[in-house]
């Protein structure tokens, strides 16, 4: 029988920093929760708690509506440095 792999425990970096509010205008801080194709990364990959993941998803959706972050990038459009434009 195969042994079960042991992974390190992921933690919420926003809980550790005691973040209560996230601003959608700070697009540079959102890049840790976005993939290279600007999709929202799931909790199991980022390690965020449910409360902060919900806050992040709302903030990213607001930033997309304000055209600060693109919705998605197609496969045909190759982006060499996706977060270079985010300041």
Protein backbone atom coordinates (compact mmCIF):
# COMPACT_ATOMS: atom_id res chain seq x y z
CA UNK A 1 0.00 0.00 0.00
CA UNK A 2 1.19 3.48 -0.80
CA UNK A 3 1.98 5.76 2.07
CA UNK A 4 0.03 8.96 2.43
CA UNK A 5 2.06 12.05 1.62
CA UNK A 6 2.50 14.61 4.33
CA UNK A 7 2.27 18.23 3.30
CA UNK A 8 3.14 21.24 5.37
CA UNK A 9 0.24 23.05 6.95
CA UNK A 10 -0.81 26.09 4.96
CA UNK A 11 -1.77 29.17 6.90
CA UNK A 12 -3.70 32.32 6.13
CA UNK A 13 -1.23 35.15 5.71
CA UNK A 14 -4.05 37.68 6.10
CA UNK A 15 -5.00 36.29 9.53
CA UNK A 16 -1.36 36.42 10.56
CA UNK A 17 -1.14 40.08 9.47
CA UNK A 18 -4.55 40.79 11.10
CA UNK A 19 -6.08 42.27 7.94
CA UNK A 20 -9.68 43.45 8.36
CA UNK A 21 -10.11 45.42 5.14
CA UNK A 22 -8.80 44.97 1.60
CA UNK A 23 -8.88 47.71 -1.00
CA UNK A 24 -9.66 46.86 -4.62
CA UNK A 25 -7.52 49.77 -5.83
CA UNK A 26 -4.33 48.10 -4.57
CA UNK A 27 -3.97 45.76 -7.54
CA UNK A 28 -0.37 44.88 -6.69
CA UNK A 29 -1.45 43.15 -3.49
CA UNK A 30 -3.95 41.01 -5.39
CA UNK A 31 -1.34 39.29 -7.53
CA UNK A 32 -0.69 36.67 -4.84
CA UNK A 33 -4.28 35.47 -5.17
CA UNK A 34 -4.36 35.45 -8.98
CA UNK A 35 -2.90 32.88 -11.35
CA UNK A 36 -0.78 33.83 -14.37
CA UNK A 37 -3.99 33.86 -16.42
CA UNK A 38 -5.65 36.20 -13.87
CA UNK A 39 -7.95 33.57 -12.40
CA UNK A 40 -8.75 33.56 -8.69
CA UNK A 41 -6.69 30.88 -6.99
CA UNK A 42 -8.55 28.46 -4.69
CA UNK A 43 -8.13 28.24 -0.93
CA UNK A 44 -6.37 24.90 -1.07
CA UNK A 45 -3.51 26.47 -3.03
CA UNK A 46 -3.23 29.83 -1.28
CA UNK A 47 -3.93 28.61 2.26
CA UNK A 48 -6.38 31.41 2.99
CA UNK A 49 -9.20 31.00 5.48
CA UNK A 50 -12.79 31.20 4.27
CA UNK A 51 -13.34 34.72 5.55
CA UNK A 52 -10.34 36.19 3.77
CA UNK A 53 -10.90 34.14 0.61
CA UNK A 54 -14.40 35.60 0.36
CA UNK A 55 -12.97 39.09 0.87
CA UNK A 56 -10.34 38.48 -1.82
CA UNK A 57 -12.89 37.23 -4.33
CA UNK A 58 -15.09 40.32 -3.82
CA UNK A 59 -12.09 42.65 -4.09
CA UNK A 60 -10.83 40.98 -7.29
CA UNK A 61 -14.30 41.15 -8.84
CA UNK A 62 -14.50 44.86 -8.00
CA UNK A 63 -11.04 45.46 -9.47
CA UNK A 64 -12.08 43.65 -12.64
CA UNK A 65 -15.20 45.81 -12.94
CA UNK A 66 -13.06 48.93 -12.49
CA UNK A 67 -10.67 47.62 -15.22
CA UNK A 68 -7.69 47.48 -12.86
CA UNK A 69 -7.29 43.72 -13.39
CA UNK A 70 -8.21 41.90 -16.61
CA UNK A 71 -10.85 39.18 -16.48
CA UNK A 72 -8.89 36.34 -18.09
CA UNK A 73 -6.18 35.86 -20.66
CA UNK A 74 -6.82 33.48 -23.53
CA UNK A 75 -4.47 30.66 -24.42
CA UNK A 76 -3.53 32.30 -27.68
CA UNK A 77 -2.49 35.52 -26.00
CA UNK A 78 0.88 34.84 -24.45
CA UNK A 79 1.81 37.15 -21.62
CA UNK A 80 5.49 37.08 -20.73
CA UNK A 81 5.22 38.95 -17.43
CA UNK A 82 1.55 39.01 -16.36
CA UNK A 83 1.96 41.15 -13.23
CA UNK A 84 4.33 43.69 -14.70
CA UNK A 85 1.51 46.15 -15.43
CA UNK A 86 0.05 45.90 -11.91
CA UNK A 87 1.62 48.45 -9.60
